[in-house]
Amino acid sequence: MKKSIFTIALVAFIWSCNQHQDNANVSKPSADPESGMAIINGVERSELALLMRKMYDEMKLVKDSINRGYTVKTDFYDEFKRIQTAHATEPEKIDDTYQAMAVAFLDNYASFEQTAENQTEAFNIMLQNCLVCHQQKCPGPVKAINKLKIRP
């Protein structure tokens, strides 16, 4: 009897320690609304960086769908237009050139959203806007963006 009570207590203790460790490893995002920065997994990310990461993730799904032969209908314009106003990691890079490229991207994205024919071409034109901007303003994601291109 004492052995089974001890075993049950030991199992409960180990289980509770594991639960505590699991909760300790979860990193909750925190945000500073004034600076537009969020800390995720201990790394500071700007609103613009997070938005562009989401844009990349969505466009990866779109590429995969087009490659599988599906006609894609997206509706991210209202969210994506935040590239004009989201806080950047390096705010000094948000200048007239950046804003002009953002407008060009949004125009081409809107064209892609409305295109049912030749979505591959419209998708690649939209991606070209991303590449031009990133080559001038923030070259880090260029390699990843290039991988999004759809090869005919």
N, C-alpha and C. Protein backbone atom coordinates (compact mmCIF):
# COMPACT_ATOMS: atom_id res chain seq x y z
N MET A 1 0.82 -1.20 0.00
CA MET A 1 0.00 0.00 0.00
C MET A 1 0.87 1.26 0.00
N LYS A 2 1.90 1.26 0.89
CA LYS A 2 2.79 2.41 0.95
C LYS A 2 3.51 2.59 -0.39
N LYS A 3 3.85 1.47 -1.02
CA LYS A 3 4.56 1.52 -2.30
C LYS A 3 3.71 2.17 -3.39
N SER A 4 2.41 1.84 -3.44
CA SER A 4 1.54 2.40 -4.46
C SER A 4 1.27 3.88 -4.20
N ILE A 5 1.14 4.30 -2.97
CA ILE A 5 0.95 5.71 -2.65
C ILE A 5 2.21 6.49 -3.04
N PHE A 6 3.38 5.92 -2.71
CA PHE A 6 4.64 6.56 -3.08
C PHE A 6 4.75 6.68 -4.60
N THR A 7 4.39 5.63 -5.33
CA THR A 7 4.46 5.63 -6.79
C THR A 7 3.53 6.69 -7.37
N ILE A 8 2.32 6.76 -6.84
CA ILE A 8 1.35 7.76 -7.32
C ILE A 8 1.87 9.17 -7.03
N ALA A 9 2.43 9.39 -5.85
CA ALA A 9 2.96 10.71 -5.49
C ALA A 9 4.14 11.06 -6.39
N LEU A 10 5.00 10.09 -6.68
CA LEU A 10 6.15 10.33 -7.53
C LEU A 10 5.72 10.69 -8.96
N VAL A 11 4.75 9.96 -9.49
CA VAL A 11 4.24 10.24 -10.83
C VAL A 11 3.61 11.63 -10.88
N ALA A 12 2.82 11.98 -9.87
CA ALA A 12 2.18 13.30 -9.82
C ALA A 12 3.24 14.41 -9.75
N PHE A 13 4.29 14.17 -8.96
CA PHE A 13 5.36 15.16 -8.84
C PHE A 13 6.07 15.36 -10.18
N ILE A 14 6.43 14.27 -10.84
CA ILE A 14 7.12 14.35 -12.13
C ILE A 14 6.22 15.03 -13.16
N TRP A 15 4.94 14.68 -13.18
CA TRP A 15 4.01 15.28 -14.12
C TRP A 15 3.91 16.79 -13.89
N SER A 16 3.82 17.21 -12.63
CA SER A 16 3.69 18.64 -12.35
C SER A 16 4.96 19.39 -12.73
N CYS A 17 6.12 18.76 -12.55
CA CYS A 17 7.38 19.40 -12.96
C CYS A 17 7.42 19.57 -14.47
N ASN A 18 6.97 18.57 -15.21
CA ASN A 18 6.95 18.67 -16.67
C ASN A 18 6.00 19.76 -17.13
N GLN A 19 4.85 19.88 -16.50
CA GLN A 19 3.90 20.92 -16.86
C GLN A 19 4.52 22.30 -16.63
N HIS A 20 5.24 22.45 -15.51
CA HIS A 20 5.87 23.73 -15.21
C HIS A 20 6.94 24.04 -16.25
N GLN A 21 7.74 23.06 -16.66
CA GLN A 21 8.77 23.27 -17.68
C GLN A 21 8.14 23.64 -19.01
N ASP A 22 7.07 22.95 -19.41
CA ASP A 22 6.41 23.26 -20.67
C ASP A 22 5.94 24.70 -20.70
N ASN A 23 5.35 25.15 -19.59
CA ASN A 23 4.87 26.53 -19.53
C ASN A 23 6.01 27.53 -19.52
N ALA A 24 7.15 27.14 -18.94
CA ALA A 24 8.30 28.05 -18.88
C ALA A 24 8.92 28.24 -20.27
N ASN A 25 8.79 27.26 -21.15
CA ASN A 25 9.38 27.34 -22.47
C ASN A 25 8.53 28.11 -23.47
N VAL A 26 7.30 28.41 -23.12
CA VAL A 26 6.42 29.14 -24.03
C VAL A 26 6.77 30.61 -23.95
N SER A 27 7.09 31.19 -25.09
CA SER A 27 7.44 32.59 -25.16
C SER A 27 6.23 33.36 -25.68
N LYS A 28 5.71 34.23 -24.87
CA LYS A 28 4.55 35.01 -25.27
C LYS A 28 5.03 36.33 -25.87
N PRO A 29 4.46 36.68 -27.03
CA PRO A 29 4.86 37.95 -27.64
C PRO A 29 4.46 39.11 -26.76
N SER A 30 5.34 40.10 -26.68
CA SER A 30 4.99 41.33 -26.00
C SER A 30 5.19 42.46 -26.99
N ALA A 31 4.42 43.49 -26.84
CA ALA A 31 4.47 44.57 -27.82
C ALA A 31 4.60 45.91 -27.13
N ASP A 32 5.28 46.81 -27.79
CA ASP A 32 5.40 48.20 -27.36
C ASP A 32 4.68 49.03 -28.42
N PRO A 33 3.43 49.45 -28.14
CA PRO A 33 2.63 50.13 -29.16
C PRO A 33 3.27 51.43 -29.66
N GLU A 34 4.06 52.12 -28.83
CA GLU A 34 4.65 53.38 -29.27
C GLU A 34 5.74 53.17 -30.31
N SER A 35 6.59 52.17 -30.11
CA SER A 35 7.69 51.95 -31.04
C SER A 35 7.29 51.04 -32.19
N GLY A 36 6.17 50.34 -32.05
CA GLY A 36 5.75 49.41 -33.08
C GLY A 36 6.57 48.14 -33.08
N MET A 37 7.25 47.85 -31.97
CA MET A 37 8.11 46.67 -31.89
C MET A 37 7.44 45.62 -31.01
N ALA A 38 7.69 44.37 -31.34
CA ALA A 38 7.20 43.25 -30.55
C ALA A 38 8.38 42.33 -30.27
N ILE A 39 8.37 41.69 -29.13
CA ILE A 39 9.41 40.72 -28.80
C ILE A 39 8.79 39.34 -28.91
N ILE A 40 9.35 38.54 -29.83
CA ILE A 40 8.86 37.19 -30.08
C ILE A 40 10.03 36.24 -29.94
N ASN A 41 9.89 35.28 -29.02
CA ASN A 41 10.98 34.33 -28.74
C ASN A 41 12.28 35.05 -28.43
N GLY A 42 12.19 36.16 -27.73
CA GLY A 42 13.37 36.90 -27.31
C GLY A 42 13.98 37.79 -28.38
N VAL A 43 13.35 37.89 -29.56
CA VAL A 43 13.88 38.70 -30.65
C VAL A 43 12.92 39.86 -30.92
N GLU A 44 13.49 41.05 -31.02
CA GLU A 44 12.67 42.23 -31.27
C GLU A 44 12.31 42.30 -32.76
N ARG A 45 11.03 42.42 -33.06
CA ARG A 45 10.54 42.49 -34.44
C ARG A 45 9.65 43.73 -34.58
N SER A 46 9.80 44.41 -35.70
CA SER A 46 8.96 45.57 -35.96
C SER A 46 7.64 45.12 -36.58
N GLU A 47 6.67 46.04 -36.57
CA GLU A 47 5.39 45.76 -37.23
C GLU A 47 5.60 45.41 -38.70
N LEU A 48 6.48 46.15 -39.35
CA LEU A 48 6.73 45.93 -40.78
C LEU A 48 7.38 44.57 -41.02
N ALA A 49 8.33 44.20 -40.18
CA ALA A 49 8.98 42.89 -40.32
C ALA A 49 7.97 41.77 -40.14
N LEU A 50 7.10 41.89 -39.15
CA LEU A 50 6.07 40.87 -38.92
C LEU A 50 5.08 40.81 -40.07
N LEU A 51 4.70 41.98 -40.60
CA LEU A 51 3.78 42.01 -41.73
C LEU A 51 4.42 41.36 -42.95
N MET A 52 5.65 41.68 -43.21
CA MET A 52 6.31 41.10 -44.39
C MET A 52 6.53 39.60 -44.22
N ARG A 53 6.75 39.15 -43.01
CA ARG A 53 6.85 37.70 -42.78
C ARG A 53 5.51 37.04 -43.09
N LYS A 54 4.42 37.67 -42.68
CA LYS A 54 3.09 37.13 -42.98
C LYS A 54 2.84 37.15 -44.50
N MET A 55 3.26 38.23 -45.14
CA MET A 55 3.09 38.31 -46.59
C MET A 55 3.85 37.17 -47.28
N TYR A 56 5.07 36.91 -46.84
CA TYR A 56 5.85 35.82 -47.40
C TYR A 56 5.12 34.49 -47.21
N ASP A 57 4.65 34.25 -45.99
CA ASP A 57 3.96 32.99 -45.69
C ASP A 57 2.72 32.81 -46.57
N GLU A 58 1.96 33.88 -46.74
CA GLU A 58 0.75 33.81 -47.58
C GLU A 58 1.11 33.57 -49.04
N MET A 59 2.14 34.26 -49.52
CA MET A 59 2.54 34.10 -50.92
C MET A 59 3.15 32.72 -51.18
N LYS A 60 3.75 32.12 -50.18
CA LYS A 60 4.25 30.74 -50.33
C LYS A 60 3.08 29.79 -50.55
N LEU A 61 2.01 29.98 -49.80
CA LEU A 61 0.80 29.16 -49.98
C LEU A 61 0.18 29.39 -51.35
N VAL A 62 0.16 30.65 -51.79
CA VAL A 62 -0.38 30.98 -53.11
C VAL A 62 0.45 30.30 -54.20
N LYS A 63 1.77 30.40 -54.09
CA LYS A 63 2.65 29.75 -55.08
C LYS A 63 2.37 28.25 -55.14
N ASP A 64 2.29 27.62 -53.98
CA ASP A 64 2.04 26.18 -53.94
C ASP A 64 0.71 25.83 -54.61
N SER A 65 -0.30 26.65 -54.39
CA SER A 65 -1.62 26.40 -54.99
C SER A 65 -1.58 26.57 -56.51
N ILE A 66 -0.92 27.63 -56.97
CA ILE A 66 -0.80 27.85 -58.42
C ILE A 66 -0.03 26.70 -59.06
N ASN A 67 1.05 26.27 -58.41
CA ASN A 67 1.84 25.15 -58.93
C ASN A 67 1.03 23.86 -59.02
N ARG A 68 0.02 23.73 -58.19
CA ARG A 68 -0.83 22.54 -58.23
C ARG A 68 -1.97 22.67 -59.23
N GLY A 69 -2.02 23.82 -59.91
CA GLY A 69 -3.01 24.00 -60.94
C GLY A 69 -4.30 24.66 -60.49
N TYR A 70 -4.34 25.15 -59.28
CA TYR A 70 -5.54 25.82 -58.77
C TYR A 70 -5.58 27.27 -59.21
N THR A 71 -6.78 27.79 -59.44
CA THR A 71 -6.97 29.22 -59.61
C THR A 71 -7.11 29.79 -58.21
N VAL A 72 -6.31 30.77 -57.90
CA VAL A 72 -6.23 31.29 -56.54
C VAL A 72 -7.00 32.59 -56.44
N LYS A 73 -7.79 32.71 -55.40
CA LYS A 73 -8.49 33.96 -55.10
C LYS A 73 -8.04 34.41 -53.72
N THR A 74 -7.34 35.53 -53.67
CA THR A 74 -6.85 36.05 -52.39
C THR A 74 -7.58 37.33 -52.05
N ASP A 75 -7.47 37.73 -50.80
CA ASP A 75 -8.10 38.97 -50.35
C ASP A 75 -7.29 39.55 -49.19
N PHE A 76 -6.04 39.89 -49.48
CA PHE A 76 -5.15 40.41 -48.45
C PHE A 76 -4.86 41.89 -48.62
N TYR A 77 -5.46 42.52 -49.62
CA TYR A 77 -5.10 43.90 -49.95
C TYR A 77 -5.17 44.83 -48.74
N ASP A 78 -6.28 44.79 -48.02
CA ASP A 78 -6.42 45.70 -46.88
C ASP A 78 -5.34 45.48 -45.83
N GLU A 79 -4.95 44.25 -45.64
CA GLU A 79 -3.89 43.95 -44.69
C GLU A 79 -2.52 44.36 -45.24
N PHE A 80 -2.27 44.03 -46.50
CA PHE A 80 -0.97 44.31 -47.11
C PHE A 80 -0.72 45.80 -47.27
N LYS A 81 -1.76 46.62 -47.39
CA LYS A 81 -1.54 48.06 -47.58
C LYS A 81 -0.92 48.70 -46.33
N ARG A 82 -0.87 47.94 -45.25
CA ARG A 82 -0.19 48.45 -44.04
C ARG A 82 1.31 48.60 -44.25
N ILE A 83 1.86 48.09 -45.37
CA ILE A 83 3.29 48.30 -45.63
C ILE A 83 3.62 49.78 -45.75
N GLN A 84 2.60 50.59 -45.98
CA GLN A 84 2.82 52.04 -46.10
C GLN A 84 2.89 52.74 -44.74
N THR A 85 2.35 52.10 -43.70
CA THR A 85 2.25 52.80 -42.41
C THR A 85 2.85 52.04 -41.23
N ALA A 86 3.16 50.76 -41.39
CA ALA A 86 3.67 49.96 -40.27
C ALA A 86 5.05 50.48 -39.83
N HIS A 87 5.30 50.40 -38.53
CA HIS A 87 6.59 50.83 -37.99
C HIS A 87 7.68 49.89 -38.48
N ALA A 88 8.78 50.46 -38.95
CA ALA A 88 9.89 49.69 -39.50
C ALA A 88 10.99 49.50 -38.46
N THR A 89 11.79 48.47 -38.65
CA THR A 89 12.95 48.25 -37.79
C THR A 89 13.92 49.41 -37.92
N GLU A 90 14.11 49.88 -39.15
CA GLU A 90 14.96 51.04 -39.43
C GLU A 90 14.11 52.12 -40.09
N PRO A 91 13.46 52.95 -39.28
CA PRO A 91 12.52 53.94 -39.83
C PRO A 91 13.13 54.89 -40.86
N GLU A 92 14.44 55.11 -40.78
CA GLU A 92 15.08 56.03 -41.73
C GLU A 92 15.04 55.50 -43.17
N LYS A 93 14.79 54.22 -43.34
CA LYS A 93 14.70 53.64 -44.69
C LYS A 93 13.32 53.85 -45.32
N ILE A 94 12.37 54.31 -44.53
CA ILE A 94 11.03 54.56 -45.05
C ILE A 94 11.01 55.99 -45.59
N ASP A 95 11.33 56.11 -46.87
CA ASP A 95 11.41 57.41 -47.52
C ASP A 95 10.49 57.43 -48.74
N ASP A 96 10.61 58.46 -49.55
CA ASP A 96 9.75 58.58 -50.73
C ASP A 96 9.94 57.41 -51.70
N THR A 97 11.19 56.95 -51.83
CA THR A 97 11.46 55.81 -52.72
C THR A 97 10.73 54.56 -52.22
N TYR A 98 10.83 54.31 -50.92
CA TYR A 98 10.14 53.16 -50.33
C TYR A 98 8.63 53.28 -50.57
N GLN A 99 8.08 54.46 -50.31
CA GLN A 99 6.64 54.65 -50.46
C GLN A 99 6.20 54.43 -51.91
N ALA A 100 7.01 54.89 -52.86
CA ALA A 100 6.68 54.69 -54.28
C ALA A 100 6.70 53.20 -54.62
N MET A 101 7.68 52.48 -54.08
CA MET A 101 7.74 51.04 -54.34
C MET A 101 6.58 50.31 -53.65
N ALA A 102 6.17 50.79 -52.50
CA ALA A 102 5.03 50.19 -51.80
C ALA A 102 3.75 50.37 -52.62
N VAL A 103 3.56 51.56 -53.19
CA VAL A 103 2.40 51.81 -54.05
C VAL A 103 2.43 50.90 -55.28
N ALA A 104 3.62 50.76 -55.89
CA ALA A 104 3.75 49.89 -57.07
C ALA A 104 3.43 48.43 -56.70
N PHE A 105 3.92 47.99 -55.55
CA PHE A 105 3.60 46.63 -55.10
C PHE A 105 2.10 46.47 -54.93
N LEU A 106 1.48 47.41 -54.25
CA LEU A 106 0.04 47.30 -53.98
C LEU A 106 -0.77 47.31 -55.28
N ASP A 107 -0.35 48.11 -56.25
CA ASP A 107 -1.03 48.12 -57.56
C ASP A 107 -0.92 46.75 -58.22
N ASN A 108 0.29 46.19 -58.21
CA ASN A 108 0.48 44.88 -58.84
C ASN A 108 -0.20 43.77 -58.04
N TYR A 109 -0.24 43.91 -56.72
CA TYR A 109 -0.96 42.92 -55.92
C TYR A 109 -2.46 42.98 -56.25
N ALA A 110 -3.00 44.19 -56.37
CA ALA A 110 -4.42 44.34 -56.72
C ALA A 110 -4.69 43.72 -58.08
N SER A 111 -3.78 43.91 -59.03
CA SER A 111 -3.93 43.27 -60.35
C SER A 111 -3.93 41.75 -60.22
N PHE A 112 -3.03 41.24 -59.38
CA PHE A 112 -2.97 39.79 -59.17
C PHE A 112 -4.29 39.29 -58.58
N GLU A 113 -4.83 40.01 -57.59
CA GLU A 113 -6.09 39.60 -56.96
C GLU A 113 -7.22 39.52 -57.97
N GLN A 114 -7.20 40.38 -58.98
CA GLN A 114 -8.29 40.44 -59.95
C GLN A 114 -8.07 39.56 -61.17
N THR A 115 -6.90 38.92 -61.23
CA THR A 115 -6.55 38.11 -62.40
C THR A 115 -6.96 36.66 -62.20
N ALA A 116 -7.74 36.16 -63.13
CA ALA A 116 -8.06 34.73 -63.12
C ALA A 116 -7.25 34.02 -64.20
N GLU A 117 -6.88 34.77 -65.22
CA GLU A 117 -6.08 34.22 -66.31
C GLU A 117 -4.61 34.54 -66.06
N ASN A 118 -3.76 33.63 -66.38
CA ASN A 118 -2.31 33.78 -66.27
C ASN A 118 -1.87 34.32 -64.90
N GLN A 119 -2.29 33.64 -63.87
CA GLN A 119 -1.92 34.05 -62.53
C GLN A 119 -0.43 33.94 -62.28
N THR A 120 0.22 33.02 -62.96
CA THR A 120 1.67 32.87 -62.78
C THR A 120 2.39 34.16 -63.15
N GLU A 121 2.05 34.73 -64.30
CA GLU A 121 2.69 35.97 -64.73
C GLU A 121 2.38 37.11 -63.76
N ALA A 122 1.13 37.26 -63.35
CA ALA A 122 0.75 38.33 -62.42
C ALA A 122 1.46 38.15 -61.07
N PHE A 123 1.57 36.91 -60.62
CA PHE A 123 2.26 36.61 -59.35
C PHE A 123 3.73 37.01 -59.45
N ASN A 124 4.39 36.62 -60.53
CA ASN A 124 5.81 36.94 -60.69
C ASN A 124 6.06 38.43 -60.84
N ILE A 125 5.15 39.15 -61.50
CA ILE A 125 5.28 40.62 -61.60
C ILE A 125 5.19 41.24 -60.21
N MET A 126 4.25 40.76 -59.42
CA MET A 126 4.10 41.26 -58.05
C MET A 126 5.38 40.99 -57.25
N LEU A 127 5.93 39.78 -57.38
CA LEU A 127 7.16 39.44 -56.67
C LEU A 127 8.33 40.31 -57.11
N GLN A 128 8.35 40.68 -58.38
CA GLN A 128 9.43 41.53 -58.88
C GLN A 128 9.45 42.86 -58.12
N ASN A 129 8.26 43.38 -57.78
CA ASN A 129 8.20 44.60 -56.96
C ASN A 129 8.88 44.37 -55.61
N CYS A 130 8.63 43.23 -55.02
CA CYS A 130 9.26 42.91 -53.73
C CYS A 130 10.78 42.91 -53.87
N LEU A 131 11.26 42.25 -54.93
CA LEU A 131 12.70 42.14 -55.13
C LEU A 131 13.37 43.49 -55.34
N VAL A 132 12.78 44.33 -56.16
CA VAL A 132 13.36 45.65 -56.43
C VAL A 132 13.50 46.44 -55.13
N CYS A 133 12.47 46.44 -54.34
CA CYS A 133 12.51 47.18 -53.08
C CYS A 133 13.55 46.58 -52.13
N HIS A 134 13.51 45.28 -51.97
CA HIS A 134 14.43 44.64 -51.03
C HIS A 134 15.89 44.77 -51.48
N GLN A 135 16.13 44.78 -52.76
CA GLN A 135 17.50 44.97 -53.23
C GLN A 135 18.04 46.34 -52.85
N GLN A 136 17.15 47.33 -52.74
CA GLN A 136 17.58 48.68 -52.40
C GLN A 136 17.50 48.99 -50.92
N LYS A 137 16.52 48.42 -50.24
CA LYS A 137 16.24 48.84 -48.86
C LYS A 137 16.64 47.82 -47.79
N CYS A 138 16.43 46.56 -48.05
CA CYS A 138 16.64 45.53 -47.02
C CYS A 138 16.92 44.20 -47.73
N PRO A 139 18.19 43.95 -48.07
CA PRO A 139 18.51 42.81 -48.92
C PRO A 139 18.40 41.43 -48.26
N GLY A 140 18.23 41.37 -46.98
CA GLY A 140 18.19 40.07 -46.30
C GLY A 140 17.25 39.04 -46.91
N PRO A 141 16.00 39.39 -47.22
CA PRO A 141 15.04 38.40 -47.73
C PRO A 141 15.11 38.13 -49.23
N VAL A 142 16.06 38.72 -49.96
CA VAL A 142 16.09 38.58 -51.42
C VAL A 142 16.13 37.11 -51.85
N LYS A 143 16.96 36.32 -51.22
CA LYS A 143 17.09 34.90 -51.59
C LYS A 143 15.76 34.17 -51.39
N ALA A 144 15.09 34.43 -50.27
CA ALA A 144 13.80 33.78 -50.00
C ALA A 144 12.74 34.23 -51.00
N ILE A 145 12.74 35.50 -51.34
CA ILE A 145 11.76 36.02 -52.31
C ILE A 145 12.00 35.38 -53.68
N ASN A 146 13.26 35.26 -54.06
CA ASN A 146 13.57 34.62 -55.34
C ASN A 146 13.03 33.19 -55.41
N LYS A 147 13.03 32.50 -54.28
CA LYS A 147 12.51 31.13 -54.25
C LYS A 147 11.00 31.07 -54.45
N LEU A 148 10.34 32.20 -54.25
CA LEU A 148 8.88 32.24 -54.45
C LEU A 148 8.49 32.32 -55.92
N LYS A 149 9.41 32.73 -56.78
CA LYS A 149 9.08 32.85 -58.20
C LYS A 149 8.57 31.53 -58.74
N ILE A 150 7.58 31.63 -59.58
CA ILE A 150 7.02 30.44 -60.22
C ILE A 150 7.68 30.28 -61.57
N ARG A 151 8.29 29.14 -61.77
CA ARG A 151 8.95 28.85 -63.05
C ARG A 151 7.91 28.30 -64.02
N PRO A 152 7.81 28.92 -65.22
CA PRO A 152 6.82 28.45 -66.18
C PRO A 152 7.16 27.07 -66.72
